[in-house]
Amino acid sequence: MAVSGENIYITWQSCLVIDDSAPCAESILFTKSDDNGTTFDKPIILFEGVEAAQARMTIAHDHLSGQDNVAIIW
């Protein structure tokens, strides 16, 4: 999670089970709130695949640019 003013940025991993006999569908997702977390945008899928289960994510907001830029790596 990264925070800048009223903006909150969140990334997370998800494992959606579609069929009990198959492995789950791994995803890395992102969302943002611009009202201190009262509401959030619809999540965006950044990556899908089995590699998502092993990802270690880092998120950061660029405070120096004065822009609404966020960097996410995994």
N, C-alpha and C. Protein backbone atom coordinates (compact mmCIF):
# COMPACT_ATOMS: atom_id res chain seq x y z
N MET A 1 0.84 -1.17 0.00
CA MET A 1 0.00 0.00 0.00
C MET A 1 0.89 1.24 0.00
N ALA A 2 0.47 2.25 -0.74
CA ALA A 2 1.15 3.54 -0.74
C ALA A 2 0.09 4.62 -0.55
N VAL A 3 0.47 5.70 0.13
CA VAL A 3 -0.47 6.78 0.43
C VAL A 3 0.16 8.12 0.06
N SER A 4 -0.64 9.01 -0.52
CA SER A 4 -0.22 10.36 -0.83
C SER A 4 -1.44 11.27 -0.70
N GLY A 5 -1.44 12.11 0.32
CA GLY A 5 -2.60 12.97 0.56
C GLY A 5 -3.84 12.13 0.80
N GLU A 6 -4.89 12.37 0.02
CA GLU A 6 -6.13 11.60 0.14
C GLU A 6 -6.11 10.34 -0.72
N ASN A 7 -5.03 10.12 -1.48
CA ASN A 7 -4.94 8.98 -2.39
C ASN A 7 -4.34 7.77 -1.69
N ILE A 8 -4.98 6.62 -1.88
CA ILE A 8 -4.49 5.35 -1.35
C ILE A 8 -4.37 4.39 -2.52
N TYR A 9 -3.21 3.76 -2.67
CA TYR A 9 -2.94 2.82 -3.75
C TYR A 9 -2.68 1.45 -3.14
N ILE A 10 -3.34 0.42 -3.67
CA ILE A 10 -3.21 -0.92 -3.10
C ILE A 10 -2.98 -1.95 -4.20
N THR A 11 -2.04 -2.87 -3.96
CA THR A 11 -1.87 -4.04 -4.82
C THR A 11 -2.05 -5.29 -3.97
N TRP A 12 -2.51 -6.36 -4.59
CA TRP A 12 -2.65 -7.62 -3.87
C TRP A 12 -2.67 -8.78 -4.85
N GLN A 13 -2.49 -9.97 -4.30
CA GLN A 13 -2.55 -11.20 -5.07
C GLN A 13 -3.89 -11.86 -4.81
N SER A 14 -4.42 -12.52 -5.84
CA SER A 14 -5.69 -13.20 -5.71
C SER A 14 -5.59 -14.57 -6.37
N CYS A 15 -6.28 -15.52 -5.80
CA CYS A 15 -6.33 -16.87 -6.36
C CYS A 15 -7.80 -17.25 -6.48
N LEU A 16 -8.34 -17.15 -7.67
CA LEU A 16 -9.75 -17.42 -7.91
C LEU A 16 -9.93 -18.89 -8.29
N VAL A 17 -10.67 -19.62 -7.48
CA VAL A 17 -10.95 -21.03 -7.77
C VAL A 17 -12.15 -21.10 -8.70
N ILE A 18 -11.92 -21.59 -9.91
CA ILE A 18 -12.98 -21.70 -10.90
C ILE A 18 -13.58 -23.10 -10.89
N ASP A 19 -12.72 -24.08 -10.71
CA ASP A 19 -13.13 -25.49 -10.73
C ASP A 19 -12.31 -26.21 -9.66
N ASP A 20 -12.97 -26.95 -8.79
CA ASP A 20 -12.26 -27.64 -7.71
C ASP A 20 -11.20 -28.61 -8.20
N SER A 21 -11.30 -29.08 -9.43
CA SER A 21 -10.34 -30.04 -9.95
C SER A 21 -9.16 -29.37 -10.65
N ALA A 22 -9.18 -28.06 -10.78
CA ALA A 22 -8.11 -27.33 -11.47
C ALA A 22 -7.44 -26.36 -10.52
N PRO A 23 -6.18 -26.02 -10.82
CA PRO A 23 -5.51 -25.01 -9.98
C PRO A 23 -6.23 -23.66 -10.10
N CYS A 24 -6.07 -22.85 -9.10
CA CYS A 24 -6.73 -21.54 -9.12
C CYS A 24 -6.05 -20.61 -10.13
N ALA A 25 -6.77 -19.59 -10.53
CA ALA A 25 -6.26 -18.59 -11.46
C ALA A 25 -5.60 -17.47 -10.65
N GLU A 26 -4.27 -17.42 -10.69
CA GLU A 26 -3.51 -16.42 -9.93
C GLU A 26 -3.51 -15.08 -10.65
N SER A 27 -3.64 -14.00 -9.89
CA SER A 27 -3.63 -12.65 -10.45
C SER A 27 -2.96 -11.68 -9.49
N ILE A 28 -2.40 -10.61 -10.05
CA ILE A 28 -1.93 -9.46 -9.28
C ILE A 28 -2.83 -8.30 -9.68
N LEU A 29 -3.42 -7.64 -8.69
CA LEU A 29 -4.39 -6.58 -8.95
C LEU A 29 -3.96 -5.26 -8.32
N PHE A 30 -4.57 -4.17 -8.81
CA PHE A 30 -4.29 -2.83 -8.32
C PHE A 30 -5.60 -2.05 -8.24
N THR A 31 -5.72 -1.20 -7.22
CA THR A 31 -6.84 -0.26 -7.15
C THR A 31 -6.38 1.02 -6.45
N LYS A 32 -7.19 2.06 -6.59
CA LYS A 32 -6.86 3.37 -6.02
C LYS A 32 -8.11 4.00 -5.41
N SER A 33 -7.91 4.73 -4.33
CA SER A 33 -8.95 5.55 -3.73
C SER A 33 -8.45 6.99 -3.72
N ASP A 34 -9.31 7.94 -4.07
CA ASP A 34 -8.91 9.35 -3.99
C ASP A 34 -9.72 10.10 -2.93
N ASP A 35 -10.36 9.32 -2.02
CA ASP A 35 -11.15 9.94 -0.95
C ASP A 35 -10.85 9.30 0.41
N ASN A 36 -9.57 9.10 0.67
CA ASN A 36 -9.12 8.53 1.95
C ASN A 36 -9.65 7.13 2.22
N GLY A 37 -9.95 6.37 1.19
CA GLY A 37 -10.37 4.99 1.37
C GLY A 37 -11.87 4.79 1.53
N THR A 38 -12.66 5.84 1.37
CA THR A 38 -14.12 5.68 1.45
C THR A 38 -14.63 4.83 0.29
N THR A 39 -14.12 5.09 -0.91
CA THR A 39 -14.46 4.29 -2.09
C THR A 39 -13.17 3.96 -2.83
N PHE A 40 -13.22 2.89 -3.63
CA PHE A 40 -12.07 2.49 -4.44
C PHE A 40 -12.52 2.27 -5.88
N ASP A 41 -11.60 2.52 -6.83
CA ASP A 41 -11.86 2.24 -8.24
C ASP A 41 -12.01 0.74 -8.45
N LYS A 42 -12.59 0.37 -9.59
CA LYS A 42 -12.67 -1.05 -9.95
C LYS A 42 -11.24 -1.58 -10.08
N PRO A 43 -10.95 -2.74 -9.49
CA PRO A 43 -9.59 -3.29 -9.57
C PRO A 43 -9.14 -3.55 -11.01
N ILE A 44 -7.85 -3.33 -11.25
CA ILE A 44 -7.23 -3.59 -12.54
C ILE A 44 -6.34 -4.81 -12.39
N ILE A 45 -6.46 -5.78 -13.30
CA ILE A 45 -5.58 -6.95 -13.28
C ILE A 45 -4.27 -6.55 -13.96
N LEU A 46 -3.17 -6.58 -13.22
CA LEU A 46 -1.86 -6.24 -13.77
C LEU A 46 -1.17 -7.44 -14.40
N PHE A 47 -1.42 -8.62 -13.83
CA PHE A 47 -0.74 -9.83 -14.31
C PHE A 47 -1.57 -11.04 -13.94
N GLU A 48 -1.63 -12.01 -14.86
CA GLU A 48 -2.30 -13.28 -14.58
C GLU A 48 -1.36 -14.41 -14.96
N GLY A 49 -1.32 -15.44 -14.14
CA GLY A 49 -0.49 -16.61 -14.43
C GLY A 49 0.00 -17.25 -13.16
N VAL A 50 0.50 -18.47 -13.29
CA VAL A 50 0.94 -19.20 -12.11
C VAL A 50 2.10 -18.50 -11.40
N GLU A 51 2.87 -17.69 -12.12
CA GLU A 51 3.98 -16.96 -11.51
C GLU A 51 3.50 -15.94 -10.49
N ALA A 52 2.26 -15.50 -10.58
CA ALA A 52 1.72 -14.51 -9.65
C ALA A 52 1.72 -15.03 -8.22
N ALA A 53 1.61 -16.35 -8.06
CA ALA A 53 1.58 -16.94 -6.71
C ALA A 53 2.90 -16.76 -5.99
N GLN A 54 3.99 -16.62 -6.74
CA GLN A 54 5.32 -16.50 -6.14
C GLN A 54 5.82 -15.07 -6.11
N ALA A 55 5.00 -14.13 -6.55
CA ALA A 55 5.43 -12.73 -6.65
C ALA A 55 5.53 -12.07 -5.27
N ARG A 56 6.52 -11.22 -5.13
CA ARG A 56 6.65 -10.36 -3.96
C ARG A 56 6.55 -8.93 -4.48
N MET A 57 5.43 -8.29 -4.19
CA MET A 57 5.15 -6.99 -4.77
C MET A 57 5.68 -5.84 -3.91
N THR A 58 6.04 -4.78 -4.60
CA THR A 58 6.41 -3.53 -3.95
C THR A 58 5.69 -2.40 -4.68
N ILE A 59 5.14 -1.46 -3.94
CA ILE A 59 4.44 -0.32 -4.53
C ILE A 59 4.98 0.95 -3.90
N ALA A 60 5.14 1.99 -4.72
CA ALA A 60 5.65 3.27 -4.21
C ALA A 60 5.01 4.41 -4.99
N HIS A 61 4.77 5.52 -4.31
CA HIS A 61 4.26 6.74 -4.94
C HIS A 61 5.43 7.70 -5.10
N ASP A 62 5.50 8.36 -6.26
CA ASP A 62 6.57 9.32 -6.54
C ASP A 62 6.17 10.69 -5.97
N HIS A 63 6.60 10.97 -4.76
CA HIS A 63 6.25 12.22 -4.08
C HIS A 63 6.97 13.43 -4.68
N LEU A 64 8.13 13.22 -5.29
CA LEU A 64 8.94 14.34 -5.76
C LEU A 64 8.45 14.94 -7.07
N SER A 65 7.78 14.17 -7.91
CA SER A 65 7.39 14.66 -9.23
C SER A 65 6.19 15.60 -9.19
N GLY A 66 5.40 15.54 -8.11
CA GLY A 66 4.18 16.33 -8.06
C GLY A 66 3.06 15.75 -8.91
N GLN A 67 3.30 14.59 -9.47
CA GLN A 67 2.31 13.90 -10.31
C GLN A 67 1.67 12.77 -9.52
N ASP A 68 0.68 12.15 -10.12
CA ASP A 68 -0.02 11.03 -9.50
C ASP A 68 0.57 9.71 -10.02
N ASN A 69 1.90 9.56 -9.92
CA ASN A 69 2.60 8.39 -10.45
C ASN A 69 2.85 7.36 -9.36
N VAL A 70 2.58 6.10 -9.70
CA VAL A 70 2.82 4.99 -8.79
C VAL A 70 3.64 3.95 -9.54
N ALA A 71 4.64 3.38 -8.87
CA ALA A 71 5.44 2.30 -9.44
C ALA A 71 5.12 1.02 -8.69
N ILE A 72 4.89 -0.05 -9.45
CA ILE A 72 4.60 -1.36 -8.86
C ILE A 72 5.54 -2.36 -9.53
N ILE A 73 6.27 -3.11 -8.71
CA ILE A 73 7.16 -4.14 -9.25
C ILE A 73 6.86 -5.46 -8.57
N TRP A 74 7.13 -6.55 -9.27
CA TRP A 74 6.98 -7.88 -8.70
C TRP A 74 7.93 -8.83 -9.37
